[in-house]
Amino acid sequence: MSQDGAGIDLETSMGYLLKEASSALRGAMEEVLRPLGMTITHYSCLELLAQRPGLSNSALARGAFVTRQSMNVLLQTLERDGVVSRPTEAPVGRVLPVQLTSAGRAQLKRATAEVRAVELRMMRDLTDVERDTAFRVLRQMSRSLRNETSSSDPAISG
């Protein structure tokens, strides 16, 4: 507890612990991506495009947790470097769907192996049950904060 007794006890604060884990994960990911000339946002963008080809700038920004402006700057760089491609005119409406190029897929393949190794290191001391529970609990926490609570798991909701 804080010295005046009115604050949050950092030892038992779920938010603080999540932020600490997030910071450790971010640092480890930055460490493995830096030698590849990539940032976490760069990697996230490529991973999103591999799994959901044709996403818009806005959808990529939401998925990578950055602003549309930041994503647009990144996409311009990636396009210039031949990692992604966008049509010069929108096929429908105003959205310019983004696609990975073969160079982008090759870049992603190297990065994915490094990031996966970080995730495996992060979870190496967890049992299968603990890992499954962690996934379920983290998803439920996100849903709860977005008011998308689900009562389908009595262990969490009860």
N, C-alpha and C. Protein backbone atom coordinates (compact mmCIF):
# COMPACT_ATOMS: atom_id res chain seq x y z
N MET A 1 0.86 -1.17 0.00
CA MET A 1 0.00 0.00 0.00
C MET A 1 0.89 1.23 0.00
N SER A 2 0.39 2.36 -0.49
CA SER A 2 1.18 3.58 -0.50
C SER A 2 1.42 4.04 0.93
N GLN A 3 2.39 4.92 1.10
CA GLN A 3 2.78 5.35 2.44
C GLN A 3 1.65 6.03 3.19
N ASP A 4 0.76 6.73 2.49
CA ASP A 4 -0.34 7.41 3.18
C ASP A 4 -1.56 6.50 3.36
N GLY A 5 -1.48 5.27 2.88
CA GLY A 5 -2.57 4.31 3.07
C GLY A 5 -3.74 4.48 2.13
N ALA A 6 -3.67 5.42 1.19
CA ALA A 6 -4.81 5.69 0.33
C ALA A 6 -4.61 5.23 -1.11
N GLY A 7 -3.48 4.59 -1.41
CA GLY A 7 -3.20 4.24 -2.79
C GLY A 7 -3.44 2.77 -3.08
N ILE A 8 -2.95 2.36 -4.22
CA ILE A 8 -3.05 0.98 -4.66
C ILE A 8 -1.83 0.22 -4.18
N ASP A 9 -2.05 -0.97 -3.67
CA ASP A 9 -0.95 -1.84 -3.26
C ASP A 9 -0.38 -2.49 -4.52
N LEU A 10 0.81 -2.07 -4.93
CA LEU A 10 1.39 -2.56 -6.17
C LEU A 10 1.64 -4.07 -6.14
N GLU A 11 1.84 -4.63 -4.97
CA GLU A 11 2.07 -6.07 -4.85
C GLU A 11 0.83 -6.88 -5.20
N THR A 12 -0.35 -6.29 -5.06
CA THR A 12 -1.59 -7.02 -5.33
C THR A 12 -2.44 -6.35 -6.42
N SER A 13 -1.87 -5.41 -7.13
CA SER A 13 -2.60 -4.71 -8.20
C SER A 13 -2.50 -5.50 -9.50
N MET A 14 -3.63 -6.00 -9.98
CA MET A 14 -3.65 -6.75 -11.24
C MET A 14 -3.20 -5.87 -12.39
N GLY A 15 -3.67 -4.62 -12.40
CA GLY A 15 -3.28 -3.70 -13.47
C GLY A 15 -1.78 -3.48 -13.50
N TYR A 16 -1.18 -3.29 -12.34
CA TYR A 16 0.26 -3.07 -12.28
C TYR A 16 1.01 -4.31 -12.76
N LEU A 17 0.56 -5.48 -12.33
CA LEU A 17 1.21 -6.73 -12.74
C LEU A 17 1.09 -6.95 -14.25
N LEU A 18 -0.08 -6.64 -14.81
CA LEU A 18 -0.25 -6.76 -16.26
C LEU A 18 0.67 -5.80 -17.00
N LYS A 19 0.80 -4.59 -16.48
CA LYS A 19 1.68 -3.60 -17.11
C LYS A 19 3.14 -4.05 -17.02
N GLU A 20 3.51 -4.63 -15.88
CA GLU A 20 4.87 -5.13 -15.70
C GLU A 20 5.17 -6.26 -16.70
N ALA A 21 4.22 -7.18 -16.85
CA ALA A 21 4.38 -8.28 -17.80
C ALA A 21 4.43 -7.74 -19.23
N SER A 22 3.58 -6.78 -19.54
CA SER A 22 3.55 -6.17 -20.86
C SER A 22 4.88 -5.49 -21.18
N SER A 23 5.42 -4.80 -20.20
CA SER A 23 6.69 -4.11 -20.38
C SER A 23 7.82 -5.11 -20.62
N ALA A 24 7.82 -6.21 -19.86
CA ALA A 24 8.85 -7.23 -20.04
C ALA A 24 8.73 -7.88 -21.42
N LEU A 25 7.51 -8.15 -21.85
CA LEU A 25 7.28 -8.74 -23.18
C LEU A 25 7.73 -7.78 -24.27
N ARG A 26 7.37 -6.53 -24.13
CA ARG A 26 7.75 -5.53 -25.12
C ARG A 26 9.27 -5.44 -25.24
N GLY A 27 9.96 -5.39 -24.11
CA GLY A 27 11.41 -5.32 -24.13
C GLY A 27 12.05 -6.52 -24.82
N ALA A 28 11.54 -7.71 -24.51
CA ALA A 28 12.07 -8.92 -25.13
C ALA A 28 11.80 -8.96 -26.63
N MET A 29 10.61 -8.50 -27.04
CA MET A 29 10.29 -8.47 -28.46
C MET A 29 11.15 -7.44 -29.19
N GLU A 30 11.31 -6.27 -28.60
CA GLU A 30 12.16 -5.24 -29.22
C GLU A 30 13.58 -5.76 -29.41
N GLU A 31 14.07 -6.50 -28.43
CA GLU A 31 15.42 -7.05 -28.49
C GLU A 31 15.63 -7.99 -29.67
N VAL A 32 14.63 -8.82 -29.98
CA VAL A 32 14.79 -9.77 -31.08
C VAL A 32 14.42 -9.16 -32.44
N LEU A 33 13.56 -8.13 -32.43
CA LEU A 33 13.16 -7.52 -33.70
C LEU A 33 14.16 -6.47 -34.19
N ARG A 34 14.83 -5.80 -33.27
CA ARG A 34 15.78 -4.73 -33.63
C ARG A 34 16.82 -5.20 -34.65
N PRO A 35 17.46 -6.37 -34.44
CA PRO A 35 18.46 -6.82 -35.43
C PRO A 35 17.87 -7.08 -36.82
N LEU A 36 16.55 -7.28 -36.87
CA LEU A 36 15.88 -7.50 -38.16
C LEU A 36 15.44 -6.18 -38.79
N GLY A 37 15.74 -5.06 -38.10
CA GLY A 37 15.34 -3.75 -38.60
C GLY A 37 13.85 -3.49 -38.45
N MET A 38 13.25 -4.12 -37.46
CA MET A 38 11.80 -4.00 -37.28
C MET A 38 11.46 -3.47 -35.90
N THR A 39 10.30 -2.82 -35.82
CA THR A 39 9.71 -2.44 -34.54
C THR A 39 8.56 -3.40 -34.26
N ILE A 40 8.02 -3.32 -33.07
CA ILE A 40 6.86 -4.16 -32.73
C ILE A 40 5.68 -3.79 -33.61
N THR A 41 5.48 -2.52 -33.88
CA THR A 41 4.36 -2.10 -34.73
C THR A 41 4.55 -2.62 -36.15
N HIS A 42 5.76 -2.56 -36.66
CA HIS A 42 6.10 -3.08 -37.99
C HIS A 42 5.75 -4.57 -38.04
N TYR A 43 6.24 -5.32 -37.05
CA TYR A 43 5.95 -6.75 -37.00
C TYR A 43 4.45 -7.00 -36.90
N SER A 44 3.77 -6.28 -36.01
CA SER A 44 2.32 -6.47 -35.82
C SER A 44 1.57 -6.24 -37.13
N CYS A 45 1.96 -5.22 -37.85
CA CYS A 45 1.33 -4.90 -39.13
C CYS A 45 1.47 -6.07 -40.10
N LEU A 46 2.67 -6.61 -40.21
CA LEU A 46 2.90 -7.73 -41.13
C LEU A 46 2.12 -8.97 -40.69
N GLU A 47 2.10 -9.24 -39.40
CA GLU A 47 1.38 -10.41 -38.89
C GLU A 47 -0.12 -10.27 -39.16
N LEU A 48 -0.66 -9.08 -38.91
CA LEU A 48 -2.07 -8.84 -39.19
C LEU A 48 -2.39 -9.05 -40.66
N LEU A 49 -1.53 -8.54 -41.54
CA LEU A 49 -1.77 -8.68 -42.98
C LEU A 49 -1.65 -10.13 -43.45
N ALA A 50 -0.77 -10.89 -42.82
CA ALA A 50 -0.64 -12.30 -43.19
C ALA A 50 -1.91 -13.06 -42.83
N GLN A 51 -2.51 -12.69 -41.70
CA GLN A 51 -3.69 -13.41 -41.24
C GLN A 51 -4.99 -12.84 -41.82
N ARG A 52 -4.95 -11.55 -42.17
CA ARG A 52 -6.15 -10.88 -42.70
C ARG A 52 -5.77 -9.99 -43.89
N PRO A 53 -5.44 -10.58 -45.02
CA PRO A 53 -5.01 -9.77 -46.17
C PRO A 53 -6.07 -8.75 -46.57
N GLY A 54 -5.61 -7.60 -47.01
CA GLY A 54 -6.52 -6.58 -47.51
C GLY A 54 -7.07 -5.64 -46.45
N LEU A 55 -6.53 -5.69 -45.24
CA LEU A 55 -7.00 -4.76 -44.20
C LEU A 55 -6.72 -3.33 -44.62
N SER A 56 -7.52 -2.42 -44.11
CA SER A 56 -7.33 -1.00 -44.35
C SER A 56 -6.34 -0.43 -43.35
N ASN A 57 -5.89 0.79 -43.59
CA ASN A 57 -5.03 1.51 -42.67
C ASN A 57 -5.68 1.57 -41.29
N SER A 58 -6.96 1.91 -41.23
CA SER A 58 -7.66 2.03 -39.95
C SER A 58 -7.72 0.71 -39.20
N ALA A 59 -8.02 -0.37 -39.90
CA ALA A 59 -8.09 -1.68 -39.27
C ALA A 59 -6.71 -2.11 -38.77
N LEU A 60 -5.68 -1.84 -39.55
CA LEU A 60 -4.32 -2.17 -39.12
C LEU A 60 -3.94 -1.36 -37.88
N ALA A 61 -4.30 -0.10 -37.87
CA ALA A 61 -3.98 0.75 -36.71
C ALA A 61 -4.65 0.20 -35.45
N ARG A 62 -5.92 -0.16 -35.56
CA ARG A 62 -6.63 -0.72 -34.40
C ARG A 62 -5.96 -2.02 -33.94
N GLY A 63 -5.63 -2.88 -34.88
CA GLY A 63 -5.02 -4.16 -34.55
C GLY A 63 -3.63 -4.06 -33.96
N ALA A 64 -2.90 -3.00 -34.32
CA ALA A 64 -1.54 -2.81 -33.81
C ALA A 64 -1.50 -1.84 -32.64
N PHE A 65 -2.67 -1.33 -32.24
CA PHE A 65 -2.79 -0.42 -31.09
C PHE A 65 -2.02 0.89 -31.28
N VAL A 66 -2.12 1.45 -32.49
CA VAL A 66 -1.51 2.74 -32.78
C VAL A 66 -2.54 3.63 -33.47
N THR A 67 -2.19 4.90 -33.65
CA THR A 67 -3.10 5.82 -34.34
C THR A 67 -3.09 5.54 -35.84
N ARG A 68 -4.14 6.00 -36.51
CA ARG A 68 -4.19 5.87 -37.97
C ARG A 68 -3.03 6.61 -38.62
N GLN A 69 -2.69 7.77 -38.05
CA GLN A 69 -1.59 8.56 -38.60
C GLN A 69 -0.27 7.80 -38.49
N SER A 70 -0.02 7.18 -37.34
CA SER A 70 1.21 6.41 -37.16
C SER A 70 1.25 5.23 -38.13
N MET A 71 0.12 4.56 -38.30
CA MET A 71 0.08 3.43 -39.21
C MET A 71 0.28 3.89 -40.65
N ASN A 72 -0.28 5.03 -41.00
CA ASN A 72 -0.10 5.53 -42.37
C ASN A 72 1.36 5.81 -42.65
N VAL A 73 2.07 6.40 -41.71
CA VAL A 73 3.51 6.67 -41.88
C VAL A 73 4.26 5.35 -42.05
N LEU A 74 3.94 4.35 -41.21
CA LEU A 74 4.58 3.04 -41.33
C LEU A 74 4.28 2.41 -42.68
N LEU A 75 3.02 2.45 -43.10
CA LEU A 75 2.66 1.83 -44.39
C LEU A 75 3.37 2.50 -45.55
N GLN A 76 3.54 3.81 -45.50
CA GLN A 76 4.28 4.49 -46.56
C GLN A 76 5.71 3.97 -46.63
N THR A 77 6.34 3.78 -45.47
CA THR A 77 7.70 3.25 -45.42
C THR A 77 7.74 1.82 -45.92
N LEU A 78 6.81 0.99 -45.47
CA LEU A 78 6.78 -0.41 -45.89
C LEU A 78 6.51 -0.53 -47.38
N GLU A 79 5.67 0.34 -47.89
CA GLU A 79 5.39 0.33 -49.33
C GLU A 79 6.62 0.75 -50.12
N ARG A 80 7.29 1.78 -49.65
CA ARG A 80 8.52 2.25 -50.31
C ARG A 80 9.59 1.15 -50.32
N ASP A 81 9.64 0.38 -49.23
CA ASP A 81 10.63 -0.69 -49.11
C ASP A 81 10.21 -1.98 -49.80
N GLY A 82 9.02 -2.01 -50.39
CA GLY A 82 8.55 -3.18 -51.11
C GLY A 82 8.03 -4.30 -50.23
N VAL A 83 7.66 -3.98 -48.99
CA VAL A 83 7.18 -4.98 -48.05
C VAL A 83 5.67 -5.18 -48.15
N VAL A 84 4.96 -4.10 -48.47
CA VAL A 84 3.52 -4.16 -48.68
C VAL A 84 3.19 -3.43 -49.97
N SER A 85 1.98 -3.68 -50.46
CA SER A 85 1.50 -2.95 -51.64
C SER A 85 0.06 -2.50 -51.37
N ARG A 86 -0.26 -1.35 -51.98
CA ARG A 86 -1.63 -0.82 -51.92
C ARG A 86 -1.97 -0.32 -53.31
N PRO A 87 -3.22 -0.48 -53.70
CA PRO A 87 -3.61 0.05 -55.01
C PRO A 87 -3.57 1.58 -54.98
N THR A 88 -3.39 2.19 -56.14
CA THR A 88 -3.36 3.66 -56.21
C THR A 88 -4.76 4.24 -56.06
N GLU A 89 -5.78 3.44 -56.43
CA GLU A 89 -7.17 3.86 -56.26
C GLU A 89 -7.94 2.79 -55.52
N ALA A 90 -8.86 3.23 -54.70
CA ALA A 90 -9.67 2.30 -53.92
C ALA A 90 -10.60 1.52 -54.83
N PRO A 91 -10.61 0.17 -54.72
CA PRO A 91 -11.52 -0.63 -55.54
C PRO A 91 -12.98 -0.38 -55.18
N VAL A 92 -13.25 -0.08 -53.91
CA VAL A 92 -14.59 0.21 -53.43
C VAL A 92 -14.47 1.30 -52.38
N GLY A 93 -15.29 2.33 -52.46
CA GLY A 93 -15.24 3.40 -51.45
C GLY A 93 -13.90 4.12 -51.45
N ARG A 94 -13.40 4.38 -50.24
CA ARG A 94 -12.12 5.09 -50.12
C ARG A 94 -11.01 4.23 -49.52
N VAL A 95 -11.32 2.99 -49.17
CA VAL A 95 -10.36 2.11 -48.50
C VAL A 95 -9.35 1.56 -49.50
N LEU A 96 -8.06 1.69 -49.14
CA LEU A 96 -6.98 1.11 -49.93
C LEU A 96 -6.51 -0.16 -49.22
N PRO A 97 -6.96 -1.34 -49.69
CA PRO A 97 -6.57 -2.58 -49.02
C PRO A 97 -5.07 -2.84 -49.15
N VAL A 98 -4.46 -3.24 -48.05
CA VAL A 98 -3.01 -3.46 -48.01
C VAL A 98 -2.73 -4.96 -48.14
N GLN A 99 -1.71 -5.30 -48.91
CA GLN A 99 -1.31 -6.69 -49.12
C GLN A 99 0.18 -6.83 -48.83
N LEU A 100 0.57 -7.98 -48.29
CA LEU A 100 1.99 -8.29 -48.14
C LEU A 100 2.56 -8.66 -49.49
N THR A 101 3.79 -8.26 -49.73
CA THR A 101 4.51 -8.70 -50.93
C THR A 101 5.32 -9.94 -50.56
N SER A 102 5.98 -10.55 -51.52
CA SER A 102 6.83 -11.71 -51.20
C SER A 102 7.96 -11.28 -50.27
N ALA A 103 8.48 -10.07 -50.44
CA ALA A 103 9.51 -9.56 -49.52
C ALA A 103 8.95 -9.41 -48.11
N GLY A 104 7.71 -8.97 -48.01
CA GLY A 104 7.05 -8.84 -46.71
C GLY A 104 6.84 -10.19 -46.04
N ARG A 105 6.45 -11.19 -46.83
CA ARG A 105 6.26 -12.53 -46.28
C ARG A 105 7.58 -13.11 -45.78
N ALA A 106 8.66 -12.87 -46.51
CA ALA A 106 9.98 -13.36 -46.08
C ALA A 106 10.42 -12.66 -44.80
N GLN A 107 10.20 -11.36 -44.74
CA GLN A 107 10.54 -10.60 -43.54
C GLN A 107 9.74 -11.10 -42.35
N LEU A 108 8.46 -11.34 -42.55
CA LEU A 108 7.58 -11.82 -41.49
C LEU A 108 8.01 -13.20 -41.01
N LYS A 109 8.40 -14.06 -41.90
CA LYS A 109 8.80 -15.42 -41.52
C LYS A 109 9.96 -15.38 -40.52
N ARG A 110 10.95 -14.55 -40.78
CA ARG A 110 12.09 -14.43 -39.85
C ARG A 110 11.64 -13.86 -38.51
N ALA A 111 10.82 -12.82 -38.55
CA ALA A 111 10.37 -12.16 -37.33
C ALA A 111 9.48 -13.06 -36.50
N THR A 112 8.59 -13.80 -37.15
CA THR A 112 7.67 -14.67 -36.44
C THR A 112 8.43 -15.72 -35.63
N ALA A 113 9.48 -16.27 -36.19
CA ALA A 113 10.27 -17.27 -35.46
C ALA A 113 10.87 -16.66 -34.20
N GLU A 114 11.36 -15.44 -34.30
CA GLU A 114 11.96 -14.76 -33.14
C GLU A 114 10.91 -14.42 -32.08
N VAL A 115 9.78 -13.90 -32.52
CA VAL A 115 8.72 -13.53 -31.58
C VAL A 115 8.13 -14.78 -30.92
N ARG A 116 7.98 -15.83 -31.69
CA ARG A 116 7.46 -17.08 -31.11
C ARG A 116 8.40 -17.60 -30.03
N ALA A 117 9.71 -17.48 -30.26
CA ALA A 117 10.69 -17.92 -29.26
C ALA A 117 10.54 -17.10 -27.97
N VAL A 118 10.25 -15.82 -28.09
CA VAL A 118 10.02 -14.97 -26.91
C VAL A 118 8.78 -15.44 -26.17
N GLU A 119 7.70 -15.70 -26.89
CA GLU A 119 6.47 -16.17 -26.25
C GLU A 119 6.67 -17.51 -25.56
N LEU A 120 7.40 -18.40 -26.19
CA LEU A 120 7.66 -19.71 -25.58
C LEU A 120 8.50 -19.55 -24.31
N ARG A 121 9.47 -18.64 -24.35
CA ARG A 121 10.29 -18.36 -23.16
C ARG A 121 9.40 -17.79 -22.04
N MET A 122 8.48 -16.91 -22.40
CA MET A 122 7.59 -16.29 -21.42
C MET A 122 6.72 -17.35 -20.73
N MET A 123 6.33 -18.38 -21.46
CA MET A 123 5.41 -19.38 -20.92
C MET A 123 6.08 -20.69 -20.52
N ARG A 124 7.40 -20.75 -20.60
CA ARG A 124 8.09 -22.03 -20.42
C ARG A 124 7.86 -22.68 -19.06
N ASP A 125 7.62 -21.91 -18.03
CA ASP A 125 7.43 -22.49 -16.70
C ASP A 125 5.97 -22.75 -16.36
N LEU A 126 5.07 -22.55 -17.34
CA LEU A 126 3.65 -22.80 -17.12
C LEU A 126 3.29 -24.20 -17.59
N THR A 127 2.40 -24.84 -16.85
CA THR A 127 1.86 -26.11 -17.31
C THR A 127 0.86 -25.82 -18.43
N ASP A 128 0.45 -26.84 -19.13
CA ASP A 128 -0.57 -26.66 -20.17
C ASP A 128 -1.85 -26.08 -19.58
N VAL A 129 -2.23 -26.56 -18.42
CA VAL A 129 -3.45 -26.07 -17.77
C VAL A 129 -3.29 -24.60 -17.39
N GLU A 130 -2.14 -24.24 -16.83
CA GLU A 130 -1.89 -22.84 -16.45
C GLU A 130 -1.91 -21.92 -17.67
N ARG A 131 -1.32 -22.39 -18.77
CA ARG A 131 -1.30 -21.60 -20.00
C ARG A 131 -2.72 -21.40 -20.53
N ASP A 132 -3.51 -22.48 -20.57
CA ASP A 132 -4.89 -22.38 -21.04
C ASP A 132 -5.71 -21.45 -20.14
N THR A 133 -5.48 -21.54 -18.85
CA THR A 133 -6.17 -20.67 -17.90
C THR A 133 -5.78 -19.22 -18.11
N ALA A 134 -4.49 -18.97 -18.32
CA ALA A 134 -4.02 -17.60 -18.55
C ALA A 134 -4.69 -17.02 -19.79
N PHE A 135 -4.75 -17.77 -20.87
CA PHE A 135 -5.41 -17.28 -22.09
C PHE A 135 -6.87 -16.93 -21.80
N ARG A 136 -7.56 -17.83 -21.13
CA ARG A 136 -8.98 -17.62 -20.84
C ARG A 136 -9.18 -16.40 -19.94
N VAL A 137 -8.38 -16.28 -18.91
CA VAL A 137 -8.53 -15.18 -17.96
C VAL A 137 -8.20 -13.85 -18.63
N LEU A 138 -7.14 -13.78 -19.41
CA LEU A 138 -6.79 -12.52 -20.07
C LEU A 138 -7.87 -12.10 -21.06
N ARG A 139 -8.41 -13.06 -21.80
CA ARG A 139 -9.52 -12.73 -22.73
C ARG A 139 -10.72 -12.20 -21.96
N GLN A 140 -11.04 -12.84 -20.83
CA GLN A 140 -12.18 -12.40 -20.04
C GLN A 140 -11.95 -11.01 -19.46
N MET A 141 -10.74 -10.71 -19.02
CA MET A 141 -10.44 -9.38 -18.50
C MET A 141 -10.67 -8.33 -19.57
N SER A 142 -10.21 -8.60 -20.78
CA SER A 142 -10.42 -7.66 -21.89
C SER A 142 -11.90 -7.47 -22.17
N ARG A 143 -12.64 -8.58 -22.22
CA ARG A 143 -14.09 -8.47 -22.46
C ARG A 143 -14.76 -7.68 -21.36
N SER A 144 -14.38 -7.92 -20.12
CA SER A 144 -15.00 -7.22 -18.99
C SER A 144 -14.79 -5.72 -19.10
N LEU A 145 -13.60 -5.31 -19.48
CA LEU A 145 -13.32 -3.88 -19.60
C LEU A 145 -14.03 -3.26 -20.80
N ARG A 146 -14.38 -4.08 -21.75
CA ARG A 146 -15.12 -3.59 -22.93
C ARG A 146 -16.61 -3.82 -22.76
N ASN A 147 -17.03 -4.20 -21.56
CA ASN A 147 -18.44 -4.48 -21.27
C ASN A 147 -19.01 -5.57 -22.16
N GLU A 148 -18.17 -6.52 -22.51
CA GLU A 148 -18.61 -7.67 -23.30
C GLU A 148 -18.53 -8.92 -22.43
N THR A 149 -18.97 -8.79 -21.20
CA THR A 149 -18.84 -9.91 -20.27
C THR A 149 -19.60 -11.11 -20.74
N SER A 150 -19.04 -12.23 -20.45
CA SER A 150 -19.66 -13.50 -20.82
C SER A 150 -19.82 -14.33 -19.56
N SER A 151 -20.98 -14.85 -19.35
CA SER A 151 -21.20 -15.70 -18.18
C SER A 151 -21.05 -17.16 -18.53
N SER A 152 -20.40 -17.44 -19.67
CA SER A 152 -20.27 -18.83 -20.10
C SER A 152 -19.24 -19.61 -19.31
N ASP A 153 -18.38 -18.93 -18.56
CA ASP A 153 -17.37 -19.63 -17.78
C ASP A 153 -17.58 -19.34 -16.31
N PRO A 154 -18.24 -20.24 -15.58
CA PRO A 154 -18.56 -20.00 -14.19
C PRO A 154 -17.31 -19.81 -13.32
N ALA A 155 -16.19 -20.37 -13.71
CA ALA A 155 -14.98 -20.21 -12.91
C ALA A 155 -14.51 -18.76 -12.90
N ILE A 156 -14.81 -18.04 -13.97
CA ILE A 156 -14.40 -16.65 -14.06
C ILE A 156 -15.51 -15.72 -13.59
N SER A 157 -16.72 -15.97 -14.01
CA SER A 157 -17.80 -15.05 -13.69
C SER A 157 -18.38 -15.25 -12.29
N GLY A 158 -18.08 -16.35 -11.67
CA GLY A 158 -18.68 -16.62 -10.38
C GLY A 158 -17.73 -16.51 -9.30
